[in-house]
Amino acid sequence: MIKKYLLVTVLCVGHSVFAQESTFRIPDTLRGKDYEYLFDRIEESENFVSKQSLYLKSFLSKAKSEKNWKEIVNGYKNHVHHSPENLKLVYADSMIYIAKQSKDNALIGSAYLSKGIVYYTLKKHNYALDNYLIANSYISKTHDKYLIYKVKYNIANIKYYLRLYDEAISLFRECIQFFKEKNVQGYLNSLHSLGLCYNQVGNYGLCTETNEKGILEGKRLGNNEMEAYFIHSEGINQYFKNNYASAIKKITYSLPSIRRNKDFGNEAVGYFYIGKSYWNLKKPEIALPYFKKVDKIFSDKEYIRPDLLENYQLLVHYYKQKNDLKSQLFYINKYIKADSLLDTKYQYLTGKIHKKFDTGEILLQKENIEKLFEKRKHNDLIFASVITILFLSLSFLAYRYFKNKKMYRQKFEELMEKSAINTKTEPKNASKGIEDINQDTVVTLLKQLEKFENSKKFLEKDLTASKLSATFDSNVNYLSKIIYHYRGKKFVEYINDLKIDYIISLLKTDKKIRKYSNKALAEEAGFSRTQRFANAFYSRTGMPTSYFIEELIKEQP
């Protein structure tokens, strides 16, 4: 019934829009104007809604009267950019409908790309990616490099959201090289996104350099639209450098511009890191309103990402200190809802998302709250409601917990059945060479790789393809191709798997190593960050490090 109601609502809105279009007539003063003139007036009248509406309708009406497919699509695209949120998808669908009639792959791809961007702005990432992939299927058949790189940029943003940072960095670098001479906005957007990736992989110095470069390049190119975003990014970067006062100042400065852009995603992230900065400065009362603003955006827009889950953990902690049971339960349930939403969006990344509220902690809080409620008995209705919510939540968590346990056990048994893991990766496709690399070069590099594996040089920290190729007196392209051809993996996966196989071998043979923390194990394997080690271990084995060690101790006490 709800879906039917929504469909009728959208159809009614669409019908109203098209009825207005069919009755509109271009004013005599605009009848002879070209598309460029009308587009400029649309941009200039941003703050005058009725005036802008006149230019928008005139542009589209002119294109329709001339049966100009490209400009009709552009006319609908103008409406997408400048219409209220509830109409953007209506105009996007019209754009796709017209583009398909043109049978022009570039136009169709561009239309789907625009619809994907609308979904991304609404933070509906699954729908955004669906449309980006459809767009790519059309655009890849063309020679339109601008559209090809525009797709790359938007898919890179999805990869960033899914925390596939290495892949996102590679795509953003490509986009920067292309857009630098072709499109100012694309160039600055790509720089900003690259800086965000550097922050997430822990390279705070490169993040600062990229943000500073973005601000300077914006001034050089006469485009200050992204300045607030670079400052926002640097504010978050300063938080990770423990410069909390600087983080608060920079993020606070950037937020008015971000709010004007109705960018609720970056607004929520800004509030969260201002709140965390105050929290770390031991000012929880000042931090609290910012955490509640993050919660409001989640309630209104259902926007959440992995790092924002901590927002609810801190709220629960705050109210626990205040002995406010009602608020604790409220934010525990908010956490469960947010966590469930993330699980839906990141099914294949579920095991990599850092969770501090495991089943045991939730059960303990439930037990404590139940005891306090039994003593107080202020309100039977509230008590019954709370228990019901907790029971349902815990049932869901228990189901997921035991399902994961079963999967982990299966993975553990498979791993233990294998013989002791060598740090050397078995070659693949050994009988076939690589066409564009001399066979002698291939043989030499394979011997160097074997020596590199046997000597455990892969344990070096911050090892890159560039560093290793320099050590081999070769180049990155050759090395990457040979590793992919003969080891069946990309460079980062190849190195990570060698490191993890080494750690697995140590854990099996050395009982002292089993007492190491994740941080110590990461150091032992040569990972620069603990989270990278945890992610790599899960990716290689299908289970968390803690589970593997626990089961190993049971098997080999």
Protein backbone atom coordinates (compact mmCIF):
# COMPACT_ATOMS: atom_id res chain seq x y z
CA MET A 1 0.00 0.00 0.00
CA ILE A 2 2.83 2.41 0.88
CA LYS A 3 4.70 1.69 -2.36
CA LYS A 4 1.52 2.20 -4.35
CA TYR A 5 0.91 5.52 -2.60
CA LEU A 6 4.46 6.68 -3.33
CA LEU A 7 4.13 5.68 -6.97
CA VAL A 8 0.88 7.61 -7.31
CA THR A 9 2.51 10.63 -5.64
CA VAL A 10 5.44 10.58 -8.07
CA LEU A 11 3.13 10.14 -11.05
CA CYS A 12 0.99 13.06 -9.87
CA VAL A 13 4.03 15.27 -9.42
CA GLY A 14 5.29 14.27 -12.87
CA HIS A 15 1.90 14.91 -14.45
CA SER A 16 1.74 18.36 -12.85
CA VAL A 17 5.23 19.20 -14.11
CA PHE A 18 4.52 18.10 -17.69
CA ALA A 19 1.17 19.91 -17.72
CA GLN A 20 3.01 23.14 -16.88
CA GLU A 21 5.57 22.45 -19.63
CA SER A 22 2.91 21.87 -22.29
CA THR A 23 1.13 25.17 -21.57
CA PHE A 24 4.28 27.33 -21.34
CA ARG A 25 5.07 29.84 -24.10
CA ILE A 26 8.45 31.56 -24.48
CA PRO A 27 8.16 35.35 -23.83
CA ASP A 28 8.83 37.53 -26.89
CA THR A 29 11.90 39.05 -25.16
CA LEU A 30 13.56 35.62 -25.02
CA ARG A 31 12.29 34.09 -28.25
CA GLY A 32 15.36 34.95 -30.32
CA LYS A 33 17.98 34.17 -27.68
CA ASP A 34 20.38 31.25 -28.11
CA TYR A 35 21.00 28.39 -25.66
CA GLU A 36 24.19 29.88 -24.27
CA TYR A 37 22.41 33.12 -23.38
CA LEU A 38 19.55 31.26 -21.65
CA PHE A 39 21.96 29.00 -19.76
CA ASP A 40 23.95 31.99 -18.49
CA ARG A 41 20.72 33.63 -17.27
CA ILE A 42 19.77 30.38 -15.47
CA GLU A 43 23.09 30.41 -13.61
CA GLU A 44 22.96 34.13 -12.82
CA SER A 45 19.43 34.01 -11.38
CA GLU A 46 20.22 31.34 -8.77
CA ASN A 47 18.82 33.50 -5.95
CA PHE A 48 15.67 34.54 -7.85
CA VAL A 49 13.43 31.47 -8.11
CA SER A 50 10.66 32.85 -10.34
CA LYS A 51 13.15 34.46 -12.71
CA GLN A 52 15.24 31.30 -12.93
CA SER A 53 12.11 29.23 -13.55
CA LEU A 54 11.29 31.43 -16.55
CA TYR A 55 14.74 30.83 -18.08
CA LEU A 56 14.63 27.10 -17.32
CA LYS A 57 11.25 26.71 -19.05
CA SER A 58 12.33 28.90 -21.98
CA PHE A 59 15.48 26.81 -22.57
CA LEU A 60 13.52 23.54 -22.56
CA SER A 61 10.65 24.93 -24.66
CA LYS A 62 13.07 26.25 -27.29
CA ALA A 63 14.84 22.88 -27.51
CA LYS A 64 11.54 21.02 -27.88
CA SER A 65 10.26 23.38 -30.58
CA GLU A 66 13.49 22.82 -32.54
CA LYS A 67 13.43 19.05 -31.84
CA ASN A 68 17.05 19.30 -30.74
CA TRP A 69 17.68 16.06 -28.78
CA LYS A 70 20.91 17.20 -27.19
CA GLU A 71 19.49 20.50 -25.96
CA ILE A 72 16.25 18.85 -24.75
CA VAL A 73 18.40 16.57 -22.59
CA ASN A 74 20.39 19.62 -21.43
CA GLY A 75 17.11 21.38 -20.68
CA TYR A 76 16.00 18.58 -18.37
CA LYS A 77 19.50 18.45 -16.87
CA ASN A 78 19.19 22.16 -16.03
CA HIS A 79 15.93 21.36 -14.22
CA VAL A 80 17.65 18.51 -12.34
CA HIS A 81 20.33 20.90 -11.07
CA HIS A 82 17.99 23.71 -10.07
CA SER A 83 14.77 21.97 -8.93
CA PRO A 84 13.55 21.03 -5.45
CA GLU A 85 14.63 17.63 -4.15
CA ASN A 86 11.24 16.00 -4.80
CA LEU A 87 11.39 16.86 -8.54
CA LYS A 88 15.00 15.98 -9.35
CA LEU A 89 14.35 12.32 -10.10
CA VAL A 90 11.23 13.19 -12.14
CA TYR A 91 13.33 15.40 -14.44
CA ALA A 92 16.14 12.81 -14.46
CA ASP A 93 13.71 10.15 -15.74
CA SER A 94 12.47 12.57 -18.43
CA MET A 95 16.07 13.18 -19.44
CA ILE A 96 16.67 9.43 -19.83
CA TYR A 97 13.44 8.99 -21.81
CA ILE A 98 14.40 11.70 -24.32
CA ALA A 99 18.04 10.52 -24.51
CA LYS A 100 16.90 7.00 -25.42
CA GLN A 101 14.76 8.38 -28.24
CA SER A 102 17.87 10.03 -29.68
CA LYS A 103 19.66 6.63 -29.81
CA ASP A 104 22.88 8.54 -29.01
CA ASN A 105 25.06 6.49 -26.62
CA ALA A 106 26.77 9.58 -25.21
CA LEU A 107 23.45 11.29 -24.48
CA ILE A 108 21.93 8.16 -22.93
CA GLY A 109 25.02 7.53 -20.81
CA SER A 110 25.14 11.16 -19.70
CA ALA A 111 21.47 11.00 -18.68
CA TYR A 112 21.96 7.88 -16.56
CA LEU A 113 25.07 9.45 -15.05
CA SER A 114 23.09 12.54 -14.04
CA LYS A 115 20.43 10.36 -12.41
CA GLY A 116 23.15 8.51 -10.53
CA ILE A 117 24.55 11.80 -9.27
CA VAL A 118 21.09 12.76 -7.98
CA TYR A 119 20.95 9.50 -6.03
CA TYR A 120 24.48 10.05 -4.72
CA THR A 121 23.53 13.54 -3.53
CA LEU A 122 20.61 11.93 -1.68
CA LYS A 123 23.16 9.41 -0.27
CA LYS A 124 21.31 6.49 -1.86
CA HIS A 125 24.60 4.90 -2.87
CA ASN A 126 23.23 1.57 -4.11
CA TYR A 127 20.92 3.28 -6.62
CA ALA A 128 23.70 5.70 -7.57
CA LEU A 129 26.05 2.84 -8.41
CA ASP A 130 23.36 1.05 -10.44
CA ASN A 131 22.93 4.14 -12.62
CA TYR A 132 26.69 4.75 -12.91
CA LEU A 133 27.17 1.22 -14.22
CA ILE A 134 24.37 1.63 -16.76
CA ALA A 135 25.89 4.96 -17.79
CA ASN A 136 29.26 3.30 -18.23
CA SER A 137 27.78 0.60 -20.48
CA TYR A 138 26.69 3.33 -22.93
CA ILE A 139 29.59 5.76 -22.53
CA SER A 140 32.23 3.04 -23.00
CA LYS A 141 30.90 2.65 -26.58
CA THR A 142 31.79 6.28 -27.34
CA HIS A 143 35.02 8.25 -27.68
CA ASP A 144 33.82 10.98 -25.33
CA LYS A 145 36.76 11.14 -22.88
CA TYR A 146 35.08 13.77 -20.70
CA LEU A 147 32.14 11.46 -19.99
CA ILE A 148 34.44 8.45 -19.58
CA TYR A 149 36.40 10.26 -16.85
CA LYS A 150 33.24 11.67 -15.31
CA VAL A 151 32.03 8.07 -14.82
CA LYS A 152 35.42 7.14 -13.36
CA TYR A 153 35.20 10.03 -10.89
CA ASN A 154 31.72 9.07 -9.68
CA ILE A 155 32.54 5.37 -9.36
CA ALA A 156 35.66 6.37 -7.42
CA ASN A 157 33.40 8.22 -4.97
CA ILE A 158 31.40 5.02 -4.43
CA LYS A 159 34.65 3.12 -3.85
CA TYR A 160 35.65 5.75 -1.29
CA TYR A 161 32.31 5.34 0.48
CA LEU A 162 32.84 1.55 0.52
CA ARG A 163 36.34 2.14 2.00
CA LEU A 164 38.12 0.69 -1.06
CA TYR A 165 40.66 3.49 -0.71
CA ASP A 166 43.54 2.14 -2.81
CA GLU A 167 41.26 1.61 -5.80
CA ALA A 168 39.65 5.04 -5.28
CA ILE A 169 43.06 6.76 -5.07
CA SER A 170 44.12 5.24 -8.39
CA LEU A 171 40.94 6.47 -10.12
CA PHE A 172 41.09 9.96 -8.58
CA ARG A 173 44.70 10.38 -9.75
CA GLU A 174 43.63 9.49 -13.30
CA CYS A 175 40.79 12.03 -13.08
CA ILE A 176 43.12 14.76 -11.82
CA GLN A 177 45.45 14.25 -14.78
CA PHE A 178 42.57 14.43 -17.27
CA PHE A 179 40.47 17.22 -15.72
CA LYS A 180 43.45 19.49 -14.96
CA GLU A 181 43.45 20.88 -18.49
CA LYS A 182 39.84 20.07 -19.41
CA ASN A 183 37.45 20.97 -16.58
CA VAL A 184 38.12 23.15 -13.53
CA GLN A 185 35.30 21.77 -11.36
CA GLY A 186 36.19 18.16 -12.15
CA TYR A 187 39.85 18.90 -11.37
CA LEU A 188 39.12 20.51 -7.98
CA ASN A 189 36.53 17.85 -7.04
CA SER A 190 39.05 15.10 -7.81
CA LEU A 191 41.75 16.81 -5.73
CA HIS A 192 39.34 17.12 -2.80
CA SER A 193 38.32 13.45 -2.98
CA LEU A 194 41.97 12.36 -3.24
CA GLY A 195 42.74 14.30 -0.05
CA LEU A 196 39.88 12.51 1.74
CA CYS A 197 41.35 9.16 0.70
CA TYR A 198 44.81 10.12 1.98
CA ASN A 199 43.25 10.95 5.34
CA GLN A 200 41.47 7.59 5.53
CA VAL A 201 44.65 5.60 4.78
CA GLY A 202 46.49 7.57 7.48
CA ASN A 203 48.70 9.68 5.22
CA TYR A 204 47.87 12.97 6.97
CA GLY A 205 50.83 14.83 5.47
CA LEU A 206 49.73 14.12 1.90
CA CYS A 207 46.16 15.03 2.86
CA THR A 208 47.32 18.46 4.06
CA GLU A 209 49.42 18.97 0.91
CA THR A 210 46.45 18.08 -1.30
CA ASN A 211 44.07 20.39 0.59
CA GLU A 212 46.54 23.30 0.38
CA LYS A 213 47.08 22.63 -3.32
CA GLY A 214 43.30 22.54 -3.89
CA ILE A 215 42.83 25.97 -2.27
CA LEU A 216 45.73 27.50 -4.25
CA GLU A 217 44.58 25.94 -7.53
CA GLY A 218 41.04 27.20 -6.94
CA LYS A 219 42.35 30.75 -6.53
CA ARG A 220 44.61 30.41 -9.58
CA LEU A 221 41.72 29.17 -11.71
CA GLY A 222 39.22 31.69 -10.32
CA ASN A 223 36.97 29.06 -8.75
CA ASN A 224 36.37 29.27 -5.00
CA GLU A 225 33.39 26.87 -4.85
CA MET A 226 35.50 24.06 -3.36
CA GLU A 227 37.46 26.18 -0.86
CA ALA A 228 35.08 25.39 2.02
CA TYR A 229 35.37 21.66 1.24
CA PHE A 230 39.16 21.72 1.32
CA ILE A 231 39.02 23.55 4.66
CA HIS A 232 36.43 21.02 5.93
CA SER A 233 38.70 18.16 4.84
CA GLU A 234 41.71 19.74 6.53
CA GLY A 235 39.71 20.28 9.72
CA ILE A 236 39.01 16.54 9.89
CA ASN A 237 42.65 15.87 9.07
CA GLN A 238 43.69 18.10 11.98
CA TYR A 239 41.47 16.03 14.27
CA PHE A 240 43.45 12.92 13.36
CA LYS A 241 46.65 14.85 14.07
CA ASN A 242 45.23 15.54 17.57
CA ASN A 243 45.08 19.29 16.83
CA TYR A 244 41.55 19.58 18.20
CA ALA A 245 41.32 23.38 18.46
CA SER A 246 42.42 23.74 14.83
CA ALA A 247 39.93 21.02 13.77
CA ILE A 248 37.03 22.83 15.47
CA LYS A 249 38.00 26.17 13.95
CA LYS A 250 38.36 24.89 10.38
CA ILE A 251 35.27 22.68 10.30
CA THR A 252 33.12 25.40 11.91
CA TYR A 253 34.34 27.89 9.31
CA SER A 254 33.42 25.51 6.44
CA LEU A 255 29.93 24.49 7.58
CA PRO A 256 27.88 27.55 6.47
CA SER A 257 28.89 26.98 2.82
CA ILE A 258 28.23 23.25 3.10
CA ARG A 259 24.78 23.88 4.58
CA ARG A 260 23.98 26.32 1.75
CA ASN A 261 24.78 23.52 -0.68
CA LYS A 262 22.34 21.26 1.23
CA ASP A 263 25.18 18.76 1.56
CA PHE A 264 23.84 16.94 4.62
CA GLY A 265 26.45 14.17 4.35
CA ASN A 266 29.46 16.45 4.85
CA GLU A 267 27.42 18.47 7.35
CA ALA A 268 26.94 15.35 9.50
CA VAL A 269 30.61 14.42 9.21
CA GLY A 270 31.60 17.97 10.22
CA TYR A 271 29.35 17.91 13.29
CA PHE A 272 30.73 14.52 14.32
CA TYR A 273 34.39 15.58 14.24
CA ILE A 274 33.67 18.89 15.99
CA GLY A 275 31.89 16.85 18.69
CA LYS A 276 34.77 14.36 18.92
CA SER A 277 37.27 17.22 19.19
CA TYR A 278 35.39 18.71 22.15
CA TRP A 279 35.02 15.22 23.62
CA ASN A 280 38.79 14.67 23.48
CA LEU A 281 39.30 18.11 25.03
CA LYS A 282 37.27 16.78 28.00
CA LYS A 283 34.28 19.00 27.18
CA PRO A 284 31.46 16.45 26.77
CA GLU A 285 28.69 18.99 27.47
CA ILE A 286 29.80 21.05 24.46
CA ALA A 287 30.28 17.91 22.34
CA LEU A 288 26.76 16.59 23.05
CA PRO A 289 24.75 19.03 20.81
CA TYR A 290 26.99 18.18 17.86
CA PHE A 291 26.44 14.43 18.32
CA LYS A 292 22.69 15.08 18.45
CA LYS A 293 22.89 17.01 15.16
CA VAL A 294 24.49 13.94 13.56
CA ASP A 295 21.62 11.84 14.94
CA LYS A 296 19.03 14.29 13.55
CA ILE A 297 20.52 14.02 10.07
CA PHE A 298 20.41 10.21 10.38
CA SER A 299 16.76 10.39 11.48
CA ASP A 300 15.82 12.78 8.66
CA LYS A 301 17.95 11.39 5.82
CA GLU A 302 19.08 7.93 6.98
CA TYR A 303 22.66 8.99 6.24
CA ILE A 304 25.29 6.92 8.03
CA ARG A 305 28.80 5.72 7.29
CA PRO A 306 31.10 3.45 9.35
CA ASP A 307 32.99 6.14 11.29
CA LEU A 308 29.72 7.86 12.28
CA LEU A 309 28.59 4.76 14.20
CA GLU A 310 30.85 5.93 17.01
CA ASN A 311 28.50 8.90 17.38
CA TYR A 312 25.99 6.57 19.07
CA GLN A 313 28.61 4.83 21.18
CA LEU A 314 29.65 8.20 22.61
CA LEU A 315 26.03 9.22 23.23
CA VAL A 316 25.36 5.97 25.08
CA HIS A 317 28.56 6.45 27.10
CA TYR A 318 27.55 10.03 27.99
CA TYR A 319 24.11 9.03 29.24
CA LYS A 320 25.53 6.04 31.06
CA GLN A 321 27.68 8.47 33.07
CA LYS A 322 24.52 10.50 33.76
CA ASN A 323 22.64 7.35 34.84
CA ASP A 324 19.93 8.22 32.26
CA LEU A 325 18.53 4.80 31.32
CA LYS A 326 15.89 6.03 28.92
CA SER A 327 18.42 7.93 26.80
CA GLN A 328 20.84 5.01 26.88
CA LEU A 329 18.21 2.69 25.45
CA PHE A 330 17.14 5.27 22.88
CA TYR A 331 20.65 5.60 21.46
CA ILE A 332 21.40 1.88 21.70
CA ASN A 333 18.42 1.30 19.43
CA LYS A 334 19.59 4.07 17.13
CA TYR A 335 22.98 2.34 16.97
CA ILE A 336 21.34 -0.99 16.10
CA LYS A 337 19.27 0.65 13.36
CA ALA A 338 22.32 2.42 11.89
CA ASP A 339 24.42 -0.75 12.09
CA SER A 340 21.68 -2.75 10.36
CA LEU A 341 21.42 -0.16 7.59
CA LEU A 342 25.17 -0.34 7.04
CA ASP A 343 25.03 -4.15 6.92
CA THR A 344 22.41 -3.91 4.18
CA LYS A 345 24.56 -1.53 2.16
CA TYR A 346 27.87 -3.31 2.76
CA GLN A 347 27.02 -7.00 2.81
CA TYR A 348 30.42 -8.03 1.48
CA LEU A 349 32.19 -5.56 3.80
CA THR A 350 30.33 -6.50 6.99
CA GLY A 351 33.32 -8.27 8.53
CA LYS A 352 35.58 -5.26 7.93
CA ILE A 353 33.45 -2.71 9.71
CA HIS A 354 34.87 -2.01 13.16
CA LYS A 355 32.27 -2.70 15.81
CA LYS A 356 32.60 -1.90 19.48
CA PHE A 357 29.09 -2.95 20.46
CA ASP A 358 29.26 -6.73 20.18
CA THR A 359 26.64 -9.12 21.47
CA GLY A 360 28.23 -9.50 24.89
CA GLU A 361 28.26 -5.77 25.59
CA ILE A 362 24.64 -5.36 24.54
CA LEU A 363 23.55 -8.30 26.72
CA LEU A 364 25.42 -6.87 29.71
CA GLN A 365 23.74 -3.48 29.31
CA LYS A 366 20.36 -5.18 28.98
CA GLU A 367 20.90 -7.09 32.23
CA ASN A 368 21.98 -4.00 34.16
CA ILE A 369 19.11 -1.86 32.88
CA GLU A 370 16.56 -4.56 33.65
CA LYS A 371 17.76 -4.70 37.29
CA LEU A 372 17.53 -0.94 37.67
CA PHE A 373 14.08 -0.85 36.14
CA GLU A 374 12.88 -3.59 38.53
CA LYS A 375 14.01 -1.46 41.49
CA ARG A 376 12.46 1.75 40.27
CA LYS A 377 9.29 0.61 38.47
CA HIS A 378 8.36 4.16 37.57
CA ASN A 379 6.46 3.22 34.50
CA ASP A 380 5.33 -0.28 33.54
CA LEU A 381 4.53 0.71 29.98
CA ILE A 382 7.98 2.14 29.35
CA PHE A 383 9.57 -0.93 30.92
CA ALA A 384 7.57 -3.33 28.73
CA SER A 385 8.36 -1.34 25.59
CA VAL A 386 12.07 -1.22 26.36
CA ILE A 387 12.25 -4.97 27.00
CA THR A 388 10.38 -5.70 23.76
CA ILE A 389 12.73 -3.52 21.74
CA LEU A 390 15.78 -5.05 23.39
CA PHE A 391 14.47 -8.59 22.91
CA LEU A 392 13.90 -8.03 19.19
CA SER A 393 17.25 -6.31 18.80
CA LEU A 394 19.08 -9.03 20.71
CA SER A 395 17.32 -11.77 18.75
CA PHE A 396 18.57 -10.20 15.55
CA LEU A 397 22.09 -9.77 16.94
CA ALA A 398 22.14 -13.33 18.29
CA TYR A 399 21.05 -14.70 14.91
CA ARG A 400 23.79 -12.77 13.15
CA TYR A 401 26.34 -13.67 15.83
CA PHE A 402 25.77 -17.44 15.55
CA LYS A 403 25.60 -17.26 11.76
CA ASN A 404 29.00 -15.55 11.70
CA LYS A 405 30.38 -18.05 14.23
CA LYS A 406 29.32 -20.93 11.99
CA MET A 407 30.91 -19.31 8.93
CA TYR A 408 34.13 -18.53 10.85
CA ARG A 409 34.36 -22.13 12.09
CA GLN A 410 34.04 -23.44 8.56
CA LYS A 411 36.78 -21.09 7.36
CA PHE A 412 38.99 -22.09 10.29
CA GLU A 413 38.63 -25.81 9.54
CA GLU A 414 39.45 -25.20 5.88
CA LEU A 415 42.55 -23.25 6.88
CA MET A 416 43.74 -25.88 9.37
CA GLU A 417 43.28 -28.69 6.83
CA LYS A 418 45.83 -27.05 4.60
CA SER A 419 49.48 -27.88 5.11
CA ALA A 420 51.68 -25.30 6.81
CA ILE A 421 51.39 -22.12 4.82
CA ASN A 422 54.51 -20.98 2.99
CA THR A 423 55.14 -17.29 2.60
CA LYS A 424 55.81 -17.95 -1.07
CA THR A 425 52.74 -17.65 -3.30
CA GLU A 426 52.45 -20.46 -5.84
CA PRO A 427 52.95 -19.23 -9.43
CA LYS A 428 49.99 -19.22 -11.80
CA ASN A 429 50.02 -19.34 -15.62
CA ALA A 430 53.71 -20.37 -15.41
CA SER A 431 53.64 -22.04 -18.84
CA LYS A 432 52.56 -18.85 -20.63
CA GLY A 433 54.67 -15.73 -21.05
CA ILE A 434 53.67 -12.11 -21.31
CA GLU A 435 53.56 -10.85 -24.87
CA ASP A 436 55.01 -7.37 -24.38
CA ILE A 437 57.80 -8.33 -21.93
CA ASN A 438 61.01 -10.06 -23.01
CA GLN A 439 61.14 -13.65 -21.66
CA ASP A 440 64.62 -13.12 -20.20
CA THR A 441 63.28 -10.12 -18.26
CA VAL A 442 60.37 -12.24 -17.03
CA VAL A 443 62.74 -15.02 -15.84
CA THR A 444 65.00 -12.50 -14.08
CA LEU A 445 62.11 -10.80 -12.29
CA LEU A 446 60.57 -14.13 -11.26
CA LYS A 447 63.89 -15.17 -9.68
CA GLN A 448 64.06 -11.84 -7.88
CA LEU A 449 60.49 -12.30 -6.66
CA GLU A 450 61.28 -15.79 -5.38
CA LYS A 451 64.32 -14.46 -3.52
CA PHE A 452 62.19 -11.58 -2.20
CA GLU A 453 59.58 -14.05 -0.90
CA ASN A 454 62.07 -16.50 0.60
CA SER A 455 63.99 -13.75 2.39
CA LYS A 456 60.70 -12.30 3.74
CA LYS A 457 61.48 -8.83 2.44
CA PHE A 458 57.73 -8.37 2.12
CA LEU A 459 57.66 -7.63 5.86
CA GLU A 460 59.06 -4.16 5.16
CA LYS A 461 56.64 -1.33 6.09
CA ASP A 462 55.11 0.96 3.45
CA LEU A 463 56.35 -1.24 0.64
CA THR A 464 55.08 0.01 -2.74
CA ALA A 465 55.35 -1.26 -6.30
CA SER A 466 57.62 1.69 -7.07
CA LYS A 467 60.03 0.82 -4.23
CA LEU A 468 60.15 -2.87 -5.12
CA SER A 469 60.60 -2.26 -8.85
CA ALA A 470 63.49 0.12 -8.05
CA THR A 471 65.08 -2.60 -5.88
CA PHE A 472 64.74 -5.02 -8.80
CA ASP A 473 66.17 -2.40 -11.20
CA SER A 474 62.96 -2.70 -13.22
CA ASN A 475 59.81 -0.61 -13.67
CA VAL A 476 56.38 -0.63 -12.02
CA ASN A 477 54.54 -1.66 -15.19
CA TYR A 478 56.64 -4.81 -15.75
CA LEU A 479 56.58 -5.81 -12.09
CA SER A 480 52.81 -5.36 -11.76
CA LYS A 481 52.12 -7.35 -14.93
CA ILE A 482 54.40 -10.21 -13.87
CA ILE A 483 52.92 -10.39 -10.37
CA TYR A 484 49.39 -10.40 -11.80
CA HIS A 485 50.25 -12.99 -14.47
CA TYR A 486 52.31 -15.40 -12.36
CA ARG A 487 50.88 -14.79 -8.90
CA GLY A 488 47.29 -14.06 -9.95
CA LYS A 489 46.97 -10.92 -7.82
CA LYS A 490 47.35 -7.17 -7.91
CA PHE A 491 50.40 -5.81 -6.09
CA VAL A 492 48.69 -4.70 -2.85
CA GLU A 493 46.79 -7.99 -2.47
CA TYR A 494 49.98 -9.95 -3.25
CA ILE A 495 51.99 -8.19 -0.51
CA ASN A 496 49.14 -8.31 2.01
CA ASP A 497 48.62 -12.05 1.47
CA LEU A 498 52.34 -12.75 1.93
CA LYS A 499 52.28 -10.81 5.20
CA ILE A 500 49.13 -12.57 6.45
CA ASP A 501 50.39 -16.04 5.45
CA TYR A 502 53.56 -15.29 7.42
CA ILE A 503 51.51 -14.30 10.50
CA ILE A 504 49.28 -17.39 10.19
CA SER A 505 52.39 -19.58 10.07
CA LEU A 506 53.78 -17.85 13.19
CA LEU A 507 50.49 -18.21 15.07
CA LYS A 508 50.40 -21.93 14.31
CA THR A 509 53.96 -22.58 15.49
CA ASP A 510 54.70 -19.98 18.16
CA LYS A 511 52.41 -19.87 21.20
CA LYS A 512 53.94 -16.59 22.40
CA ILE A 513 52.77 -14.82 19.25
CA ARG A 514 49.17 -15.78 20.06
CA LYS A 515 49.29 -13.40 23.02
CA TYR A 516 50.10 -10.42 20.77
CA SER A 517 47.53 -7.68 20.25
CA ASN A 518 46.35 -6.80 16.76
CA LYS A 519 48.64 -3.78 16.90
CA ALA A 520 51.66 -5.96 17.74
CA LEU A 521 50.75 -8.47 15.03
CA ALA A 522 50.42 -5.63 12.53
CA GLU A 523 53.91 -4.44 13.51
CA GLU A 524 55.28 -7.99 13.19
CA ALA A 525 53.85 -8.30 9.66
CA GLY A 526 54.99 -4.82 8.58
CA PHE A 527 51.58 -3.15 8.30
CA SER A 528 51.60 0.62 8.83
CA ARG A 529 48.12 0.62 10.43
CA THR A 530 46.37 -1.86 12.70
CA GLN A 531 43.07 -1.56 10.80
CA ARG A 532 44.81 -2.40 7.53
CA PHE A 533 46.17 -5.56 9.11
CA ALA A 534 42.73 -6.51 10.47
CA ASN A 535 41.10 -5.93 7.07
CA ALA A 536 43.82 -7.89 5.24
CA PHE A 537 43.54 -10.81 7.69
CA TYR A 538 39.78 -10.99 7.30
CA SER A 539 40.07 -10.75 3.50
CA ARG A 540 42.62 -13.59 3.40
CA THR A 541 41.01 -15.95 5.93
CA GLY A 542 37.33 -14.98 6.10
CA MET A 543 37.45 -14.48 9.88
CA PRO A 544 38.73 -11.93 12.44
CA THR A 545 42.19 -12.43 13.96
CA SER A 546 40.75 -12.87 17.45
CA TYR A 547 38.54 -15.77 16.37
CA PHE A 548 41.40 -17.55 14.61
CA ILE A 549 43.64 -17.28 17.69
CA GLU A 550 40.87 -18.44 20.06
CA GLU A 551 40.16 -21.52 17.94
CA LEU A 552 43.87 -22.21 17.49
CA ILE A 553 44.36 -22.22 21.28
CA LYS A 554 41.45 -24.68 21.63
CA GLU A 555 42.97 -26.94 18.96
CA GLN A 556 46.57 -26.60 20.19
CA PRO A 557 46.45 -25.73 23.92
